[in-house]
Amino acid sequence: MDDALILEKCRGGDKNAFAQLVDGHRRIIEGTAFGILKNREALKEVVQEVLIRIFKGIGSFKGNCKLSTWIYRITFNESMRYLQKSSNRTATSLDLVEDVPAPDTCALQGLLSKEQKNIMRNCINELPPDFKQTVMLHYFEDMKLEEIAVKLNVPQGTVHSRIGRAREMLRDKIKAYVI
């Protein structure tokens, strides 16, 4: 069943159609939320809130973007809201880079590499939400600028400038750690 038909049935109160909608977009919801939260308990909480928001908002979805984009945006916003409310921000930090050193490095290099990765992870976590999201999509999900623009429903120039500004912010944040 296509999204338009599922939407129509959901708006009519069909609970089975809503279950189909959720099943069809579960990967987007869970993948996006876990990519931001990196915490299974937080994931359960955020997914519940996302499903409630989708259910309540389905009637007001105008179709100006793809349904998957709308769901992605709700999921991203709820994940960021959770992080902002969370009192233990470090427990939900991004785990964007492997912590395992290359097999041919000595122990000291492994420790330095791990510390550098932690610094980078912390710096990325400190970025404003739109910049953090764009960096994650571009560098860690390997998406092209055009794809990111469509996914975030923003002009491609905005994506390009966010990446450039995020690089500058990261450069400054990393310098603060090093100095």
N, C-alpha and C. Protein backbone atom coordinates (compact mmCIF):
# COMPACT_ATOMS: atom_id res chain seq x y z
N MET A 1 0.85 -1.18 0.00
CA MET A 1 0.00 0.00 0.00
C MET A 1 0.90 1.24 0.00
N ASP A 2 0.58 2.23 -0.83
CA ASP A 2 1.41 3.43 -0.90
C ASP A 2 1.08 4.40 0.23
N ASP A 3 1.98 5.36 0.45
CA ASP A 3 1.84 6.30 1.56
C ASP A 3 0.55 7.11 1.50
N ALA A 4 0.13 7.52 0.31
CA ALA A 4 -1.08 8.34 0.19
C ALA A 4 -2.31 7.57 0.68
N LEU A 5 -2.41 6.32 0.30
CA LEU A 5 -3.54 5.50 0.73
C LEU A 5 -3.49 5.23 2.24
N ILE A 6 -2.30 4.95 2.73
CA ILE A 6 -2.14 4.72 4.17
C ILE A 6 -2.51 5.98 4.94
N LEU A 7 -2.07 7.13 4.46
CA LEU A 7 -2.40 8.40 5.11
C LEU A 7 -3.90 8.62 5.16
N GLU A 8 -4.55 8.37 4.04
CA GLU A 8 -6.00 8.56 3.95
C GLU A 8 -6.71 7.67 4.97
N LYS A 9 -6.27 6.40 5.06
CA LYS A 9 -6.89 5.48 6.01
C LYS A 9 -6.59 5.87 7.45
N CYS A 10 -5.37 6.35 7.71
CA CYS A 10 -5.01 6.80 9.06
C CYS A 10 -5.88 7.97 9.48
N ARG A 11 -6.08 8.90 8.58
CA ARG A 11 -6.91 10.07 8.87
C ARG A 11 -8.36 9.66 9.14
N GLY A 12 -8.75 8.54 8.57
CA GLY A 12 -10.09 8.02 8.80
C GLY A 12 -10.19 7.20 10.08
N GLY A 13 -9.07 7.08 10.81
CA GLY A 13 -9.10 6.38 12.09
C GLY A 13 -8.76 4.91 12.02
N ASP A 14 -8.26 4.43 10.89
CA ASP A 14 -7.92 3.02 10.71
C ASP A 14 -6.62 2.71 11.47
N LYS A 15 -6.74 1.94 12.54
CA LYS A 15 -5.58 1.61 13.37
C LYS A 15 -4.62 0.66 12.65
N ASN A 16 -5.16 -0.20 11.82
CA ASN A 16 -4.29 -1.10 11.05
C ASN A 16 -3.43 -0.32 10.06
N ALA A 17 -4.00 0.72 9.48
CA ALA A 17 -3.24 1.55 8.55
C ALA A 17 -2.12 2.28 9.29
N PHE A 18 -2.41 2.74 10.51
CA PHE A 18 -1.37 3.40 11.30
C PHE A 18 -0.25 2.41 11.63
N ALA A 19 -0.61 1.17 11.94
CA ALA A 19 0.39 0.14 12.21
C ALA A 19 1.25 -0.10 10.97
N GLN A 20 0.63 -0.10 9.79
CA GLN A 20 1.38 -0.26 8.54
C GLN A 20 2.32 0.93 8.32
N LEU A 21 1.84 2.12 8.59
CA LEU A 21 2.65 3.32 8.44
C LEU A 21 3.89 3.22 9.33
N VAL A 22 3.66 2.84 10.58
CA VAL A 22 4.77 2.71 11.52
C VAL A 22 5.74 1.63 11.07
N ASP A 23 5.23 0.47 10.68
CA ASP A 23 6.09 -0.62 10.22
C ASP A 23 6.92 -0.21 9.00
N GLY A 24 6.30 0.52 8.11
CA GLY A 24 6.99 0.95 6.89
C GLY A 24 8.08 1.98 7.13
N HIS A 25 8.00 2.67 8.26
CA HIS A 25 8.97 3.74 8.53
C HIS A 25 9.77 3.49 9.82
N ARG A 26 9.68 2.29 10.35
CA ARG A 26 10.37 1.96 11.60
C ARG A 26 11.88 2.15 11.49
N ARG A 27 12.47 1.78 10.36
CA ARG A 27 13.92 1.93 10.19
C ARG A 27 14.34 3.39 10.28
N ILE A 28 13.56 4.27 9.67
CA ILE A 28 13.86 5.70 9.73
C ILE A 28 13.80 6.18 11.18
N ILE A 29 12.74 5.81 11.86
CA ILE A 29 12.54 6.26 13.24
C ILE A 29 13.64 5.74 14.15
N GLU A 30 13.83 4.44 14.18
CA GLU A 30 14.80 3.85 15.09
C GLU A 30 16.24 4.20 14.70
N GLY A 31 16.52 4.18 13.41
CA GLY A 31 17.88 4.49 12.96
C GLY A 31 18.27 5.93 13.26
N THR A 32 17.36 6.85 13.00
CA THR A 32 17.65 8.26 13.27
C THR A 32 17.81 8.50 14.76
N ALA A 33 16.87 8.00 15.54
CA ALA A 33 16.91 8.22 16.99
C ALA A 33 18.16 7.58 17.60
N PHE A 34 18.46 6.35 17.23
CA PHE A 34 19.63 5.71 17.82
C PHE A 34 20.92 6.38 17.37
N GLY A 35 20.95 6.85 16.13
CA GLY A 35 22.13 7.57 15.63
C GLY A 35 22.43 8.81 16.45
N ILE A 36 21.41 9.42 17.01
CA ILE A 36 21.59 10.62 17.82
C ILE A 36 21.81 10.25 19.28
N LEU A 37 21.03 9.32 19.79
CA LEU A 37 21.02 9.03 21.22
C LEU A 37 22.09 8.04 21.67
N LYS A 38 22.34 7.01 20.87
CA LYS A 38 23.29 5.94 21.20
C LYS A 38 23.00 5.33 22.56
N ASN A 39 21.72 5.15 22.86
CA ASN A 39 21.32 4.63 24.15
C ASN A 39 19.98 3.91 23.96
N ARG A 40 19.95 2.62 24.24
CA ARG A 40 18.75 1.80 23.99
C ARG A 40 17.56 2.24 24.83
N GLU A 41 17.79 2.58 26.10
CA GLU A 41 16.68 3.02 26.95
C GLU A 41 16.10 4.34 26.44
N ALA A 42 16.97 5.25 26.08
CA ALA A 42 16.52 6.54 25.54
C ALA A 42 15.77 6.31 24.23
N LEU A 43 16.25 5.36 23.44
CA LEU A 43 15.62 5.06 22.16
C LEU A 43 14.16 4.66 22.35
N LYS A 44 13.90 3.78 23.32
CA LYS A 44 12.52 3.34 23.57
C LYS A 44 11.63 4.52 23.91
N GLU A 45 12.12 5.38 24.77
CA GLU A 45 11.35 6.55 25.20
C GLU A 45 11.06 7.50 24.03
N VAL A 46 12.09 7.77 23.24
CA VAL A 46 11.93 8.70 22.12
C VAL A 46 11.02 8.10 21.04
N VAL A 47 11.18 6.82 20.74
CA VAL A 47 10.32 6.19 19.73
C VAL A 47 8.85 6.30 20.15
N GLN A 48 8.57 6.07 21.42
CA GLN A 48 7.19 6.22 21.91
C GLN A 48 6.67 7.63 21.66
N GLU A 49 7.48 8.62 21.99
CA GLU A 49 7.07 10.02 21.80
C GLU A 49 6.89 10.34 20.32
N VAL A 50 7.76 9.80 19.47
CA VAL A 50 7.65 10.02 18.02
C VAL A 50 6.33 9.44 17.51
N LEU A 51 6.00 8.23 17.94
CA LEU A 51 4.76 7.60 17.50
C LEU A 51 3.53 8.41 17.93
N ILE A 52 3.59 8.94 19.13
CA ILE A 52 2.48 9.78 19.61
C ILE A 52 2.37 11.04 18.74
N ARG A 53 3.51 11.66 18.46
CA ARG A 53 3.51 12.88 17.64
C ARG A 53 2.99 12.60 16.22
N ILE A 54 3.40 11.49 15.67
CA ILE A 54 2.93 11.12 14.32
C ILE A 54 1.42 10.91 14.36
N PHE A 55 0.96 10.15 15.35
CA PHE A 55 -0.46 9.85 15.46
C PHE A 55 -1.28 11.14 15.60
N LYS A 56 -0.83 12.03 16.47
CA LYS A 56 -1.55 13.28 16.69
C LYS A 56 -1.45 14.23 15.49
N GLY A 57 -0.33 14.16 14.77
CA GLY A 57 -0.10 15.12 13.69
C GLY A 57 -0.50 14.65 12.31
N ILE A 58 -0.90 13.41 12.18
CA ILE A 58 -1.20 12.84 10.86
C ILE A 58 -2.28 13.63 10.14
N GLY A 59 -3.23 14.15 10.87
CA GLY A 59 -4.30 14.93 10.26
C GLY A 59 -3.84 16.27 9.72
N SER A 60 -2.76 16.80 10.28
CA SER A 60 -2.28 18.10 9.83
C SER A 60 -1.14 17.99 8.82
N PHE A 61 -0.71 16.76 8.50
CA PHE A 61 0.34 16.59 7.50
C PHE A 61 -0.22 17.00 6.14
N LYS A 62 0.40 18.02 5.54
CA LYS A 62 -0.11 18.60 4.30
C LYS A 62 0.47 17.97 3.04
N GLY A 63 1.52 17.23 3.17
CA GLY A 63 2.11 16.60 2.00
C GLY A 63 3.06 17.51 1.23
N ASN A 64 3.55 18.57 1.88
CA ASN A 64 4.50 19.47 1.22
C ASN A 64 5.86 18.80 1.02
N CYS A 65 6.09 17.73 1.74
CA CYS A 65 7.31 16.95 1.60
C CYS A 65 6.91 15.47 1.64
N LYS A 66 7.88 14.61 1.44
CA LYS A 66 7.59 13.18 1.51
C LYS A 66 7.24 12.80 2.95
N LEU A 67 6.44 11.81 3.10
CA LEU A 67 6.05 11.33 4.42
C LEU A 67 7.29 10.92 5.21
N SER A 68 8.23 10.26 4.56
CA SER A 68 9.45 9.82 5.25
C SER A 68 10.25 11.02 5.75
N THR A 69 10.26 12.11 5.02
CA THR A 69 10.97 13.32 5.45
C THR A 69 10.29 13.91 6.68
N TRP A 70 8.97 13.94 6.67
CA TRP A 70 8.20 14.45 7.81
C TRP A 70 8.47 13.61 9.05
N ILE A 71 8.46 12.30 8.89
CA ILE A 71 8.71 11.39 10.01
C ILE A 71 10.15 11.54 10.50
N TYR A 72 11.09 11.67 9.58
CA TYR A 72 12.49 11.88 9.95
C TYR A 72 12.62 13.14 10.80
N ARG A 73 11.97 14.20 10.36
CA ARG A 73 12.08 15.49 11.07
C ARG A 73 11.48 15.40 12.48
N ILE A 74 10.36 14.73 12.61
CA ILE A 74 9.76 14.53 13.94
C ILE A 74 10.73 13.74 14.82
N THR A 75 11.30 12.69 14.26
CA THR A 75 12.23 11.85 15.01
C THR A 75 13.47 12.63 15.43
N PHE A 76 14.01 13.39 14.50
CA PHE A 76 15.19 14.20 14.83
C PHE A 76 14.87 15.19 15.94
N ASN A 77 13.76 15.90 15.79
CA ASN A 77 13.38 16.90 16.80
C ASN A 77 13.15 16.27 18.17
N GLU A 78 12.48 15.14 18.21
CA GLU A 78 12.23 14.47 19.49
C GLU A 78 13.54 13.97 20.12
N SER A 79 14.44 13.47 19.30
CA SER A 79 15.73 13.01 19.80
C SER A 79 16.52 14.16 20.40
N MET A 80 16.53 15.28 19.71
CA MET A 80 17.25 16.46 20.20
C MET A 80 16.58 17.00 21.47
N ARG A 81 15.27 16.99 21.50
CA ARG A 81 14.54 17.42 22.70
C ARG A 81 14.92 16.54 23.89
N TYR A 82 15.01 15.25 23.65
CA TYR A 82 15.39 14.32 24.72
C TYR A 82 16.80 14.65 25.23
N LEU A 83 17.73 14.87 24.32
CA LEU A 83 19.10 15.19 24.72
C LEU A 83 19.14 16.47 25.55
N GLN A 84 18.37 17.45 25.15
CA GLN A 84 18.36 18.73 25.87
C GLN A 84 17.78 18.55 27.27
N LYS A 85 16.80 17.69 27.41
CA LYS A 85 16.18 17.46 28.72
C LYS A 85 17.02 16.54 29.60
N SER A 86 17.82 15.74 28.98
CA SER A 86 18.57 14.72 29.72
C SER A 86 19.58 15.37 30.66
N SER A 87 19.59 14.91 31.88
CA SER A 87 20.54 15.46 32.85
C SER A 87 21.92 14.84 32.70
N ASN A 88 21.99 13.68 32.09
CA ASN A 88 23.27 13.01 31.91
C ASN A 88 23.64 13.02 30.44
N ARG A 89 24.06 14.15 29.96
CA ARG A 89 24.34 14.33 28.55
C ARG A 89 25.47 13.43 28.06
N THR A 90 26.45 13.17 28.88
CA THR A 90 27.57 12.34 28.43
C THR A 90 27.16 10.89 28.19
N ALA A 91 26.14 10.41 28.90
CA ALA A 91 25.69 9.03 28.70
C ALA A 91 25.02 8.86 27.35
N THR A 92 24.55 9.95 26.76
CA THR A 92 23.87 9.85 25.47
C THR A 92 24.68 10.51 24.36
N SER A 93 25.99 10.64 24.57
CA SER A 93 26.81 11.29 23.55
C SER A 93 26.91 10.41 22.31
N LEU A 94 27.28 11.04 21.23
CA LEU A 94 27.44 10.30 19.98
C LEU A 94 28.64 9.38 20.06
N ASP A 95 28.50 8.21 19.52
CA ASP A 95 29.60 7.28 19.43
C ASP A 95 29.89 7.13 17.94
N LEU A 96 30.45 8.17 17.35
CA LEU A 96 30.56 8.24 15.90
C LEU A 96 31.77 7.52 15.34
N VAL A 97 32.76 7.27 16.17
CA VAL A 97 34.00 6.72 15.66
C VAL A 97 34.37 5.50 16.49
N GLU A 98 34.92 4.50 15.87
CA GLU A 98 35.36 3.31 16.58
C GLU A 98 36.41 3.68 17.62
N ASP A 99 36.37 3.04 18.78
CA ASP A 99 37.37 3.28 19.81
C ASP A 99 38.50 2.26 19.77
N VAL A 100 38.54 1.42 18.76
CA VAL A 100 39.56 0.39 18.67
C VAL A 100 40.72 0.92 17.83
N PRO A 101 41.93 0.96 18.40
CA PRO A 101 43.06 1.43 17.62
C PRO A 101 43.43 0.44 16.52
N ALA A 102 44.09 0.91 15.50
CA ALA A 102 44.54 0.05 14.42
C ALA A 102 45.50 -0.98 15.00
N PRO A 103 45.50 -2.20 14.47
CA PRO A 103 46.29 -3.27 15.07
C PRO A 103 47.79 -3.01 15.06
N ASP A 104 48.30 -2.18 14.15
CA ASP A 104 49.73 -1.97 14.07
C ASP A 104 50.21 -0.77 14.90
N THR A 105 49.34 -0.17 15.71
CA THR A 105 49.76 0.97 16.52
C THR A 105 50.20 0.49 17.89
N CYS A 106 51.11 1.24 18.49
CA CYS A 106 51.55 0.87 19.84
C CYS A 106 50.51 1.35 20.84
N ALA A 107 50.64 0.96 22.09
CA ALA A 107 49.66 1.28 23.13
C ALA A 107 49.51 2.78 23.32
N LEU A 108 50.62 3.52 23.30
CA LEU A 108 50.56 4.97 23.49
C LEU A 108 49.79 5.63 22.36
N GLN A 109 50.04 5.21 21.13
CA GLN A 109 49.32 5.77 20.00
C GLN A 109 47.83 5.45 20.10
N GLY A 110 47.51 4.24 20.59
CA GLY A 110 46.11 3.86 20.77
C GLY A 110 45.42 4.75 21.77
N LEU A 111 46.10 5.06 22.87
CA LEU A 111 45.53 5.96 23.88
C LEU A 111 45.32 7.36 23.31
N LEU A 112 46.33 7.86 22.58
CA LEU A 112 46.20 9.19 21.97
C LEU A 112 45.05 9.21 20.98
N SER A 113 44.96 8.16 20.17
CA SER A 113 43.89 8.08 19.18
C SER A 113 42.52 8.07 19.85
N LYS A 114 42.40 7.33 20.93
CA LYS A 114 41.13 7.26 21.66
C LYS A 114 40.78 8.63 22.24
N GLU A 115 41.76 9.32 22.78
CA GLU A 115 41.53 10.65 23.34
C GLU A 115 41.12 11.63 22.23
N GLN A 116 41.77 11.54 21.08
CA GLN A 116 41.43 12.42 19.96
C GLN A 116 39.99 12.16 19.50
N LYS A 117 39.60 10.92 19.45
CA LYS A 117 38.24 10.58 19.06
C LYS A 117 37.23 11.10 20.06
N ASN A 118 37.57 11.00 21.34
CA ASN A 118 36.68 11.53 22.38
C ASN A 118 36.54 13.04 22.26
N ILE A 119 37.63 13.71 21.97
CA ILE A 119 37.58 15.17 21.78
C ILE A 119 36.69 15.50 20.60
N MET A 120 36.88 14.80 19.49
CA MET A 120 36.07 15.06 18.29
C MET A 120 34.60 14.78 18.59
N ARG A 121 34.31 13.69 19.27
CA ARG A 121 32.94 13.33 19.62
C ARG A 121 32.31 14.43 20.48
N ASN A 122 33.05 14.92 21.47
CA ASN A 122 32.55 15.99 22.33
C ASN A 122 32.31 17.27 21.54
N CYS A 123 33.21 17.59 20.64
CA CYS A 123 33.06 18.80 19.83
C CYS A 123 31.83 18.71 18.93
N ILE A 124 31.60 17.57 18.34
CA ILE A 124 30.42 17.39 17.49
C ILE A 124 29.15 17.51 18.32
N ASN A 125 29.17 16.96 19.52
CA ASN A 125 28.01 17.06 20.41
C ASN A 125 27.68 18.50 20.78
N GLU A 126 28.68 19.37 20.78
CA GLU A 126 28.48 20.77 21.16
C GLU A 126 27.95 21.63 20.02
N LEU A 127 27.92 21.10 18.81
CA LEU A 127 27.40 21.87 17.67
C LEU A 127 25.90 22.13 17.84
N PRO A 128 25.41 23.25 17.30
CA PRO A 128 23.96 23.47 17.30
C PRO A 128 23.27 22.33 16.53
N PRO A 129 22.03 22.00 16.89
CA PRO A 129 21.36 20.83 16.33
C PRO A 129 21.36 20.74 14.79
N ASP A 130 21.08 21.83 14.09
CA ASP A 130 21.04 21.77 12.62
C ASP A 130 22.41 21.45 12.03
N PHE A 131 23.45 21.99 12.63
CA PHE A 131 24.81 21.74 12.14
C PHE A 131 25.24 20.31 12.47
N LYS A 132 24.92 19.87 13.67
CA LYS A 132 25.24 18.51 14.10
C LYS A 132 24.56 17.49 13.17
N GLN A 133 23.30 17.73 12.88
CA GLN A 133 22.53 16.84 12.01
C GLN A 133 23.16 16.79 10.62
N THR A 134 23.51 17.94 10.08
CA THR A 134 24.09 18.00 8.73
C THR A 134 25.43 17.28 8.69
N VAL A 135 26.26 17.49 9.70
CA VAL A 135 27.56 16.81 9.78
C VAL A 135 27.37 15.30 9.84
N MET A 136 26.44 14.86 10.67
CA MET A 136 26.19 13.42 10.79
C MET A 136 25.76 12.81 9.46
N LEU A 137 24.84 13.49 8.78
CA LEU A 137 24.35 12.95 7.51
C LEU A 137 25.46 12.93 6.46
N HIS A 138 26.26 13.99 6.40
CA HIS A 138 27.27 14.09 5.35
C HIS A 138 28.47 13.18 5.61
N TYR A 139 29.01 13.25 6.80
CA TYR A 139 30.26 12.54 7.06
C TYR A 139 30.07 11.12 7.60
N PHE A 140 28.97 10.87 8.29
CA PHE A 140 28.83 9.56 8.93
C PHE A 140 27.78 8.69 8.27
N GLU A 141 26.87 9.29 7.51
CA GLU A 141 25.93 8.50 6.74
C GLU A 141 26.25 8.61 5.25
N ASP A 142 27.33 9.31 4.93
CA ASP A 142 27.86 9.41 3.57
C ASP A 142 26.84 9.93 2.55
N MET A 143 26.03 10.88 2.97
CA MET A 143 25.02 11.44 2.06
C MET A 143 25.60 12.63 1.31
N LYS A 144 25.16 12.77 0.06
CA LYS A 144 25.58 13.91 -0.76
C LYS A 144 24.75 15.14 -0.38
N LEU A 145 25.27 16.32 -0.75
CA LEU A 145 24.59 17.56 -0.40
C LEU A 145 23.15 17.58 -0.91
N GLU A 146 22.94 17.10 -2.13
CA GLU A 146 21.60 17.10 -2.71
C GLU A 146 20.65 16.23 -1.88
N GLU A 147 21.14 15.07 -1.46
CA GLU A 147 20.32 14.15 -0.66
C GLU A 147 19.97 14.77 0.70
N ILE A 148 20.95 15.42 1.30
CA ILE A 148 20.72 16.06 2.60
C ILE A 148 19.69 17.17 2.45
N ALA A 149 19.80 17.97 1.38
CA ALA A 149 18.86 19.06 1.15
C ALA A 149 17.44 18.54 1.05
N VAL A 150 17.26 17.43 0.34
CA VAL A 150 15.93 16.84 0.20
C VAL A 150 15.45 16.30 1.54
N LYS A 151 16.32 15.60 2.23
CA LYS A 151 15.94 14.98 3.51
C LYS A 151 15.56 16.03 4.55
N LEU A 152 16.30 17.14 4.57
CA LEU A 152 16.04 18.19 5.57
C LEU A 152 15.06 19.25 5.08
N ASN A 153 14.70 19.16 3.79
CA ASN A 153 13.78 20.11 3.19
C ASN A 153 14.32 21.54 3.29
N VAL A 154 15.61 21.69 2.92
CA VAL A 154 16.26 23.00 2.87
C VAL A 154 16.99 23.11 1.54
N PRO A 155 17.31 24.35 1.12
CA PRO A 155 18.08 24.50 -0.12
C PRO A 155 19.47 23.87 -0.01
N GLN A 156 20.00 23.45 -1.15
CA GLN A 156 21.32 22.83 -1.17
C GLN A 156 22.38 23.81 -0.67
N GLY A 157 22.22 25.09 -0.97
CA GLY A 157 23.16 26.10 -0.50
C GLY A 157 23.21 26.17 1.03
N THR A 158 22.07 25.94 1.66
CA THR A 158 22.02 25.94 3.13
C THR A 158 22.83 24.77 3.68
N VAL A 159 22.69 23.62 3.05
CA VAL A 159 23.45 22.44 3.47
C VAL A 159 24.95 22.73 3.33
N HIS A 160 25.33 23.29 2.19
CA HIS A 160 26.74 23.60 1.93
C HIS A 160 27.28 24.57 2.97
N SER A 161 26.52 25.61 3.28
CA SER A 161 27.00 26.59 4.26
C SER A 161 27.03 26.00 5.67
N ARG A 162 26.08 25.14 6.00
CA ARG A 162 26.09 24.50 7.32
C ARG A 162 27.34 23.65 7.50
N ILE A 163 27.71 22.92 6.45
CA ILE A 163 28.90 22.08 6.54
C ILE A 163 30.14 22.96 6.71
N GLY A 164 30.22 24.03 5.94
CA GLY A 164 31.35 24.94 6.06
C GLY A 164 31.43 25.58 7.44
N ARG A 165 30.30 26.05 7.94
CA ARG A 165 30.27 26.68 9.26
C ARG A 165 30.54 25.66 10.36
N ALA A 166 30.04 24.44 10.19
CA ALA A 166 30.30 23.39 11.18
C ALA A 166 31.80 23.08 11.24
N ARG A 167 32.46 23.04 10.09
CA ARG A 167 33.91 22.80 10.06
C ARG A 167 34.64 23.89 10.84
N GLU A 168 34.24 25.15 10.61
CA GLU A 168 34.86 26.27 11.34
C GLU A 168 34.64 26.14 12.83
N MET A 169 33.40 25.82 13.22
CA MET A 169 33.09 25.67 14.64
C MET A 169 33.90 24.52 15.26
N LEU A 170 33.99 23.42 14.52
CA LEU A 170 34.76 22.28 15.03
C LEU A 170 36.23 22.62 15.16
N ARG A 171 36.76 23.34 14.18
CA ARG A 171 38.16 23.77 14.23
C ARG A 171 38.41 24.59 15.50
N ASP A 172 37.52 25.54 15.78
CA ASP A 172 37.67 26.38 16.96
C ASP A 172 37.53 25.57 18.25
N LYS A 173 36.56 24.66 18.27
CA LYS A 173 36.34 23.84 19.47
C LYS A 173 37.54 22.92 19.73
N ILE A 174 38.08 22.34 18.68
CA ILE A 174 39.23 21.45 18.83
C ILE A 174 40.44 22.23 19.32
N LYS A 175 40.65 23.44 18.81
CA LYS A 175 41.75 24.28 19.27
C LYS A 175 41.64 24.54 20.77
N ALA A 176 40.42 24.76 21.24
CA ALA A 176 40.19 25.02 22.67
C ALA A 176 40.59 23.81 23.51
N TYR A 177 40.41 22.60 22.99
CA TYR A 177 40.81 21.40 23.71
C TYR A 177 42.33 21.23 23.72
N VAL A 178 42.96 21.59 22.62
CA VAL A 178 44.38 21.37 22.46
C VAL A 178 45.19 22.40 23.23
N ILE A 179 44.73 23.63 23.24
CA ILE A 179 45.51 24.71 23.86
C ILE A 179 45.38 24.71 25.35
